[in-house]
Amino acid sequence: MLVKKAYKFRIYPSKEQETLIAKTIGCSRFVFNRFLGQWNDTYQETGKGLTYSSCSSQLTQLKKEFVWLKEVDSIALQSSLKNLADSYTRFFKKQNKAPRFKSKKNQVQSYTTKETNHNIAIVNSKIKLPKLGLVRLAKSREVEGRILNATVRRNPSGKFFVSILVETDVQPLKKTDSSIGIDLGITDFAVFSDGHKMDNHTFTAKMEKKLRREQRKLSRRALQAKNKGIHLFDAQNYQKQKRKVARLHERVRNQRDDFLNKLSTDIIKNHDMICLEDLNTKGMLRNHKLAKSISDVSWSAFVSKLEYKAKWYGKTIVKISRWFPSSQICSECGHQEGKKSLEIRDWTCSICHKHHDRDINASQNILAEGVRTFHMA
């Protein structure tokens, strides 16, 4: 099966390449904002928006008016227009909110360029990119498949990355004749129906003390700059501390992504059917007592990884209703005991007298309900 797959690598551009990347990001943002303004004005006047084709033809004239647009990759400017058109298409389909103007204050700055005539290629330990030429690359694995596009990003930490989107052939994994139910939690990240539990590593909580200390420093330096009448963009001490805080957040994010990727891949390799609860994560985040913990465990990202990997490798994901009382039912005899407070971590069935670990019992009920739902579909 042909799938689209992204490879992310860190790149180490030279000073000249860094300058050109900054110019390309700025020009792409300028083009996006310029045509977004025109699009909004046209929509207010006529009730209809513009089209990608009409904007693309105006871009040629715009380059004559602003000659510095010619210094950067022209495909990146076209991609910026395409992103704007796609955003409006999704907006009119009520799939997302209306596109907003881009700001240079956004934490992540990026631009996308498409592959044409082998203008994007991996050459040993470097990557060839339009206008930039060869850029040093931290190549951690081989890129397999036909390159479609590349997105160059500058993170708040000051590091540069490239994401290469390829089209590649993925073969289904061998069948294991195994099904598993998973109960996602906070104390334990995942509890499996076979009885084992996966620890919640609480990456943010472990870094919290250091993050608080560095963020207090950042606040003090912002106040010092304000008292001296220096704009934060020009306050070198503030910007240096801001990058330091960003690097800590980036480390936490990388640790979490690595954990989620390894766990989801292991589950997909070893099971043909994975049964989960259809959790309302957005609703649960409204609980201010648990919001920080729920955000740290990243259930949504984990489920998303399971879903696309299952699609790639021929496995099945079954989501059961979030209203299914998995914690209330005895997995041995099926008797429903009723609601139990979160403090109760184990209980004994009043009918069959089976003693249950609350979370393992819930995961076993999720598996049984998932299998039942799948066969009924």
Protein backbone atom coordinates (compact mmCIF):
# COMPACT_ATOMS: atom_id res chain seq x y z
CA MET A 1 0.00 0.00 0.00
CA LEU A 2 1.30 3.46 -0.94
CA VAL A 3 1.32 5.81 2.05
CA LYS A 4 2.69 9.25 2.81
CA LYS A 5 5.36 9.18 5.47
CA ALA A 6 7.39 12.00 7.04
CA TYR A 7 11.05 11.88 8.08
CA LYS A 8 12.26 14.58 10.43
CA PHE A 9 15.95 15.50 10.73
CA ARG A 10 17.90 18.25 12.37
CA ILE A 11 19.88 20.42 9.94
CA TYR A 12 22.89 22.66 10.53
CA PRO A 13 22.77 25.54 8.02
CA SER A 14 25.66 27.97 7.62
CA LYS A 15 25.19 31.64 8.58
CA GLU A 16 24.39 32.52 4.95
CA GLN A 17 21.87 29.66 4.75
CA GLU A 18 20.29 30.72 8.06
CA THR A 19 19.81 34.22 6.63
CA LEU A 20 18.22 32.83 3.47
CA ILE A 21 15.92 30.55 5.52
CA ALA A 22 14.80 33.59 7.57
CA LYS A 23 14.15 35.54 4.35
CA THR A 24 12.16 32.65 2.83
CA ILE A 25 10.04 32.30 5.99
CA GLY A 26 9.44 36.07 6.01
CA CYS A 27 8.52 36.21 2.31
CA SER A 28 6.18 33.22 2.62
CA ARG A 29 4.48 34.90 5.57
CA PHE A 30 4.22 38.20 3.63
CA VAL A 31 2.59 36.47 0.63
CA PHE A 32 0.16 34.57 2.87
CA ASN A 33 -0.90 37.70 4.77
CA ARG A 34 -1.10 39.86 1.62
CA PHE A 35 -3.50 37.51 -0.17
CA LEU A 36 -5.42 36.71 3.03
CA GLY A 37 -6.22 40.44 3.28
CA GLN A 38 -7.34 40.51 -0.36
CA TRP A 39 -9.37 37.33 0.13
CA ASN A 40 -11.18 38.81 3.16
CA ASP A 41 -11.89 42.12 1.36
CA THR A 42 -13.25 40.32 -1.72
CA TYR A 43 -15.44 38.06 0.43
CA GLN A 44 -16.93 41.05 2.29
CA GLU A 45 -17.65 42.92 -0.97
CA THR A 46 -18.96 40.07 -3.15
CA GLY A 47 -19.76 37.21 -0.79
CA LYS A 48 -17.24 35.07 -2.68
CA GLY A 49 -13.56 34.48 -2.05
CA LEU A 50 -10.63 34.32 -4.45
CA THR A 51 -9.13 31.18 -5.98
CA TYR A 52 -5.63 29.74 -5.93
CA SER A 53 -5.30 30.33 -9.69
CA SER A 54 -6.25 34.03 -9.49
CA CYS A 55 -3.84 34.60 -6.58
CA SER A 56 -1.04 32.70 -8.33
CA SER A 57 -1.32 34.90 -11.43
CA GLN A 58 -1.15 38.03 -9.22
CA LEU A 59 2.00 36.72 -7.53
CA THR A 60 4.05 37.33 -10.69
CA GLN A 61 3.07 41.00 -10.65
CA LEU A 62 3.74 41.18 -6.92
CA LYS A 63 7.35 40.08 -7.51
CA LYS A 64 7.82 43.05 -9.85
CA GLU A 65 6.49 45.37 -7.16
CA PHE A 66 8.56 43.80 -4.36
CA VAL A 67 11.79 42.66 -6.02
CA TRP A 68 13.11 41.06 -2.80
CA LEU A 69 10.54 38.27 -3.30
CA LYS A 70 12.76 37.04 -6.16
CA GLU A 71 15.62 36.30 -3.74
CA VAL A 72 13.88 33.29 -2.22
CA ASP A 73 12.53 29.94 -3.43
CA SER A 74 9.55 30.65 -5.72
CA ILE A 75 7.97 27.24 -4.96
CA ALA A 76 7.86 28.14 -1.26
CA LEU A 77 5.81 31.25 -2.12
CA GLN A 78 3.44 29.17 -4.26
CA SER A 79 3.11 26.65 -1.40
CA SER A 80 2.16 29.48 0.96
CA LEU A 81 -0.65 30.44 -1.44
CA LYS A 82 -1.77 26.81 -1.72
CA ASN A 83 -1.93 26.54 2.09
CA LEU A 84 -4.13 29.65 2.17
CA ALA A 85 -6.49 28.24 -0.48
CA ASP A 86 -6.66 24.88 1.33
CA SER A 87 -7.43 26.64 4.63
CA TYR A 88 -10.37 28.46 3.05
CA THR A 89 -11.62 25.24 1.44
CA ARG A 90 -11.67 23.53 4.86
CA PHE A 91 -13.27 26.64 6.41
CA PHE A 92 -16.18 26.61 3.94
CA LYS A 93 -16.61 22.88 4.64
CA LYS A 94 -16.77 23.79 8.36
CA GLN A 95 -13.72 21.66 9.10
CA ASN A 96 -11.75 24.47 10.77
CA LYS A 97 -11.91 28.15 11.66
CA ALA A 98 -11.16 30.90 9.14
CA PRO A 99 -7.43 31.36 8.41
CA ARG A 100 -5.72 34.08 10.46
CA PHE A 101 -2.81 36.37 9.68
CA LYS A 102 0.59 34.85 10.41
CA SER A 103 2.88 36.58 12.88
CA LYS A 104 6.65 36.58 13.16
CA LYS A 105 6.05 36.14 16.90
CA ASN A 106 4.74 32.58 16.34
CA GLN A 107 6.90 30.08 18.17
CA VAL A 108 7.54 27.85 15.15
CA GLN A 109 8.46 29.50 11.84
CA SER A 110 8.50 27.40 8.67
CA TYR A 111 8.12 27.20 4.92
CA THR A 112 7.37 24.31 2.55
CA THR A 113 8.89 23.64 -0.86
CA LYS A 114 7.93 20.93 -3.37
CA GLU A 115 10.15 18.44 -5.16
CA THR A 116 10.56 19.12 -8.89
CA ASN A 117 13.36 17.84 -11.12
CA HIS A 118 15.28 16.39 -8.13
CA ASN A 119 15.69 19.82 -6.48
CA ILE A 120 15.29 18.02 -3.09
CA ALA A 121 17.63 15.09 -2.49
CA ILE A 122 19.68 13.39 0.19
CA VAL A 123 23.38 13.50 -0.74
CA ASN A 124 25.46 11.48 1.76
CA SER A 125 25.19 13.38 5.06
CA LYS A 126 23.64 16.50 3.47
CA ILE A 127 20.31 17.50 1.99
CA LYS A 128 19.93 19.51 -1.20
CA LEU A 129 17.23 22.18 -0.95
CA PRO A 130 16.13 24.83 -3.49
CA LYS A 131 18.17 28.08 -3.25
CA LEU A 132 19.95 26.80 -0.11
CA GLY A 133 22.05 24.17 -1.88
CA LEU A 134 23.60 21.45 0.30
CA VAL A 135 22.81 21.72 4.02
CA ARG A 136 24.48 19.57 6.68
CA LEU A 137 22.05 16.94 7.98
CA ALA A 138 21.91 14.78 11.12
CA LYS A 139 20.93 11.67 9.17
CA SER A 140 19.62 9.12 11.67
CA ARG A 141 18.02 6.74 9.13
CA GLU A 142 17.61 6.16 5.42
CA VAL A 143 14.83 7.98 3.55
CA GLU A 144 12.81 5.40 1.60
CA GLY A 145 10.32 6.42 -1.09
CA ARG A 146 9.64 9.20 -3.58
CA ILE A 147 10.19 12.67 -2.08
CA LEU A 148 7.11 14.91 -2.38
CA ASN A 149 8.07 18.02 -0.41
CA ALA A 150 10.23 19.36 2.39
CA THR A 151 9.31 21.70 5.25
CA VAL A 152 12.10 23.72 6.86
CA ARG A 153 11.39 24.79 10.44
CA ARG A 154 13.09 27.05 12.95
CA ASN A 155 12.06 26.08 16.47
CA PRO A 156 11.86 28.50 19.44
CA SER A 157 15.07 26.87 20.73
CA GLY A 158 16.89 28.26 17.67
CA LYS A 159 17.39 24.79 16.16
CA PHE A 160 16.59 24.07 12.51
CA PHE A 161 14.78 20.96 11.27
CA VAL A 162 13.61 19.61 7.93
CA SER A 163 10.58 17.32 7.51
CA ILE A 164 10.70 15.31 4.30
CA LEU A 165 7.36 13.95 3.08
CA VAL A 166 7.70 10.85 0.90
CA GLU A 167 5.39 8.43 -0.83
CA THR A 168 6.44 4.89 -0.01
CA ASP A 169 5.14 1.34 -0.22
CA VAL A 170 4.32 -0.21 3.17
CA GLN A 171 3.66 -3.95 3.50
CA PRO A 172 1.13 -5.31 6.06
CA LEU A 173 2.65 -7.02 9.10
CA LYS A 174 2.14 -10.73 9.75
CA LYS A 175 -1.05 -11.63 11.62
CA THR A 176 -0.60 -12.56 15.28
CA ASP A 177 -4.17 -13.75 16.03
CA SER A 178 -4.04 -11.59 19.14
CA SER A 179 -6.43 -8.91 20.43
CA ILE A 180 -5.85 -6.48 23.30
CA GLY A 181 -7.93 -4.01 25.30
CA ILE A 182 -6.29 -0.83 26.59
CA ASP A 183 -7.52 1.37 29.43
CA LEU A 184 -5.72 4.74 29.30
CA GLY A 185 -5.09 6.45 32.61
CA ILE A 186 -3.03 9.01 34.51
CA THR A 187 -1.34 7.01 37.28
CA ASP A 188 -0.54 4.26 34.76
CA PHE A 189 -0.40 5.52 31.17
CA ALA A 190 -1.93 2.31 29.80
CA VAL A 191 -3.34 -0.80 31.45
CA PHE A 192 -3.64 -3.84 29.17
CA SER A 193 -6.21 -6.62 29.27
CA ASP A 194 -3.41 -9.21 29.58
CA GLY A 195 -2.66 -7.76 33.02
CA HIS A 196 0.47 -5.67 32.49
CA LYS A 197 0.70 -1.91 33.01
CA MET A 198 2.74 0.83 31.32
CA ASP A 199 4.08 3.48 33.65
CA ASN A 200 3.20 7.12 33.07
CA HIS A 201 6.61 8.78 32.86
CA THR A 202 5.21 12.28 33.64
CA PHE A 203 7.90 13.97 31.55
CA THR A 204 6.62 17.50 32.24
CA ALA A 205 6.28 16.92 35.99
CA LYS A 206 9.88 15.65 36.23
CA MET A 207 11.12 18.81 34.51
CA GLU A 208 8.69 21.12 36.34
CA LYS A 209 11.07 22.37 39.02
CA LYS A 210 13.72 23.33 36.48
CA LEU A 211 11.12 24.83 34.14
CA ARG A 212 9.69 27.01 36.93
CA ARG A 213 13.14 28.30 37.83
CA GLU A 214 14.06 29.16 34.24
CA GLN A 215 10.66 30.74 33.52
CA ARG A 216 11.04 32.97 36.59
CA LYS A 217 14.38 34.12 35.17
CA LEU A 218 12.66 34.84 31.87
CA SER A 219 10.01 36.97 33.61
CA ARG A 220 12.71 38.93 35.49
CA ARG A 221 14.61 39.63 32.28
CA ALA A 222 11.42 40.77 30.55
CA LEU A 223 10.80 43.18 33.44
CA GLN A 224 14.39 44.46 33.31
CA ALA A 225 14.09 45.13 29.57
CA LYS A 226 10.79 46.94 30.11
CA ASN A 227 12.27 49.14 32.86
CA LYS A 228 15.16 50.07 30.55
CA GLY A 229 12.78 50.83 27.70
CA ILE A 230 14.22 48.06 25.49
CA HIS A 231 11.91 46.15 23.14
CA LEU A 232 11.94 42.41 23.90
CA PHE A 233 13.09 41.61 20.33
CA ASP A 234 16.21 43.68 21.02
CA ALA A 235 16.82 42.47 24.59
CA GLN A 236 19.65 39.94 24.14
CA ASN A 237 19.52 38.56 27.70
CA TYR A 238 15.77 38.01 27.38
CA GLN A 239 16.10 36.27 24.00
CA LYS A 240 18.92 34.06 25.30
CA GLN A 241 16.83 32.97 28.30
CA LYS A 242 13.78 32.49 26.06
CA ARG A 243 15.75 30.00 23.93
CA LYS A 244 16.89 28.21 27.09
CA VAL A 245 13.28 27.73 28.26
CA ALA A 246 12.28 26.60 24.75
CA ARG A 247 15.03 23.96 24.78
CA LEU A 248 13.65 22.52 28.03
CA HIS A 249 10.13 22.32 26.57
CA GLU A 250 11.59 20.75 23.42
CA ARG A 251 13.40 18.09 25.46
CA VAL A 252 10.14 17.15 27.23
CA ARG A 253 8.31 16.99 23.90
CA ASN A 254 11.00 14.79 22.35
CA GLN A 255 10.98 12.40 25.32
CA ARG A 256 7.20 12.07 25.13
CA ASP A 257 7.17 11.55 21.35
CA ASP A 258 9.87 8.88 21.60
CA PHE A 259 7.91 7.03 24.30
CA LEU A 260 4.61 7.20 22.37
CA ASN A 261 6.19 6.09 19.09
CA LYS A 262 7.94 3.07 20.63
CA LEU A 263 4.87 1.97 22.60
CA SER A 264 2.43 2.34 19.68
CA THR A 265 4.76 0.46 17.30
CA ASP A 266 5.17 -2.39 19.81
CA ILE A 267 1.38 -2.71 20.24
CA ILE A 268 0.75 -2.70 16.46
CA LYS A 269 3.44 -5.35 15.85
CA ASN A 270 2.09 -7.75 18.47
CA HIS A 271 -1.71 -7.45 18.08
CA ASP A 272 -4.20 -7.64 15.21
CA MET A 273 -7.03 -5.85 17.03
CA ILE A 274 -6.64 -3.01 19.53
CA CYS A 275 -9.72 -1.96 21.52
CA LEU A 276 -9.87 1.50 23.14
CA GLU A 277 -12.35 3.87 24.72
CA ASP A 278 -13.41 6.83 22.57
CA LEU A 279 -12.24 9.41 25.12
CA ASN A 280 -13.52 13.00 25.10
CA THR A 281 -10.12 14.53 25.83
CA LYS A 282 -11.23 18.13 25.19
CA GLY A 283 -14.07 17.76 27.67
CA MET A 284 -11.81 16.17 30.27
CA LEU A 285 -9.33 19.07 29.97
CA ARG A 286 -12.02 21.36 31.39
CA ASN A 287 -11.43 19.65 34.74
CA HIS A 288 -8.83 22.06 36.13
CA LYS A 289 -7.68 19.58 38.77
CA LEU A 290 -6.69 16.99 36.14
CA ALA A 291 -6.02 19.17 33.06
CA LYS A 292 -2.25 19.36 33.56
CA SER A 293 -1.91 15.59 34.08
CA ILE A 294 -4.15 14.78 31.11
CA SER A 295 -2.22 17.16 28.88
CA ASP A 296 1.09 15.61 29.96
CA VAL A 297 0.08 12.02 29.11
CA SER A 298 -0.98 12.96 25.51
CA TRP A 299 -3.73 10.38 25.01
CA SER A 300 -4.85 11.99 21.73
CA ALA A 301 -1.36 11.82 20.21
CA PHE A 302 -1.03 8.17 21.27
CA VAL A 303 -4.38 7.15 19.75
CA SER A 304 -3.53 9.07 16.56
CA LYS A 305 -0.26 7.15 16.22
CA LEU A 306 -2.03 3.84 16.78
CA GLU A 307 -4.63 4.71 14.12
CA TYR A 308 -2.28 5.61 11.29
CA LYS A 309 0.10 2.72 12.04
CA ALA A 310 -2.84 0.28 12.10
CA LYS A 311 -3.93 1.61 8.71
CA TRP A 312 -0.40 1.20 7.30
CA TYR A 313 0.21 -2.31 8.59
CA GLY A 314 -3.24 -3.91 8.17
CA LYS A 315 -4.30 -3.95 11.82
CA THR A 316 -7.69 -2.99 13.35
CA ILE A 317 -8.53 -0.26 15.85
CA VAL A 318 -11.94 -0.56 17.56
CA LYS A 319 -13.23 2.37 19.63
CA ILE A 320 -16.01 1.65 22.10
CA SER A 321 -18.45 4.25 23.39
CA ARG A 322 -17.11 6.63 26.03
CA TRP A 323 -20.32 5.93 27.98
CA PHE A 324 -19.61 2.20 28.24
CA PRO A 325 -19.31 1.44 32.02
CA SER A 326 -16.03 -0.46 31.78
CA SER A 327 -15.14 0.19 35.45
CA GLN A 328 -18.53 -0.92 36.78
CA ILE A 329 -18.87 -4.36 35.18
CA CYS A 330 -17.36 -7.57 36.56
CA SER A 331 -15.31 -9.05 33.70
CA GLU A 332 -15.81 -12.54 35.19
CA CYS A 333 -19.62 -12.77 35.44
CA GLY A 334 -20.86 -9.57 33.77
CA HIS A 335 -22.64 -8.18 36.85
CA GLN A 336 -22.79 -4.36 36.93
CA GLU A 337 -21.89 -3.08 40.39
CA GLY A 338 -22.54 0.65 39.83
CA LYS A 339 -20.38 3.75 39.93
CA LYS A 340 -17.21 3.80 42.00
CA SER A 341 -15.18 6.83 43.06
CA LEU A 342 -11.65 7.21 41.68
CA GLU A 343 -10.19 6.42 45.11
CA ILE A 344 -11.36 2.80 44.82
CA ARG A 345 -8.55 0.98 42.98
CA ASP A 346 -9.73 -2.62 43.57
CA TRP A 347 -13.03 -4.24 44.42
CA THR A 348 -14.76 -7.63 44.84
CA CYS A 349 -17.82 -8.65 42.81
CA SER A 350 -20.85 -9.19 45.07
CA ILE A 351 -22.14 -12.02 42.84
CA CYS A 352 -19.15 -14.21 41.84
CA HIS A 353 -16.79 -12.81 44.56
CA LYS A 354 -13.99 -12.29 42.04
CA HIS A 355 -11.48 -9.71 43.27
CA HIS A 356 -10.58 -7.13 40.62
CA ASP A 357 -7.88 -4.59 40.01
CA ARG A 358 -10.05 -1.67 38.82
CA ASP A 359 -7.95 -0.80 35.74
CA ILE A 360 -7.16 -4.35 34.57
CA ASN A 361 -10.85 -5.24 34.92
CA ALA A 362 -11.77 -2.15 32.86
CA SER A 363 -9.31 -3.08 30.09
CA GLN A 364 -10.73 -6.64 29.96
CA ASN A 365 -14.24 -5.21 29.61
CA ILE A 366 -13.03 -2.85 26.87
CA LEU A 367 -11.57 -5.83 24.98
CA ALA A 368 -14.81 -7.87 25.29
CA GLU A 369 -16.96 -4.91 24.19
CA GLY A 370 -14.58 -4.09 21.33
CA VAL A 371 -14.66 -7.65 19.98
CA ARG A 372 -18.48 -7.72 20.30
CA THR A 373 -18.81 -4.35 18.49
CA PHE A 374 -16.44 -5.44 15.71
CA HIS A 375 -18.35 -8.66 14.97
CA MET A 376 -21.68 -6.83 15.00
CA ALA A 377 -20.49 -4.22 12.45
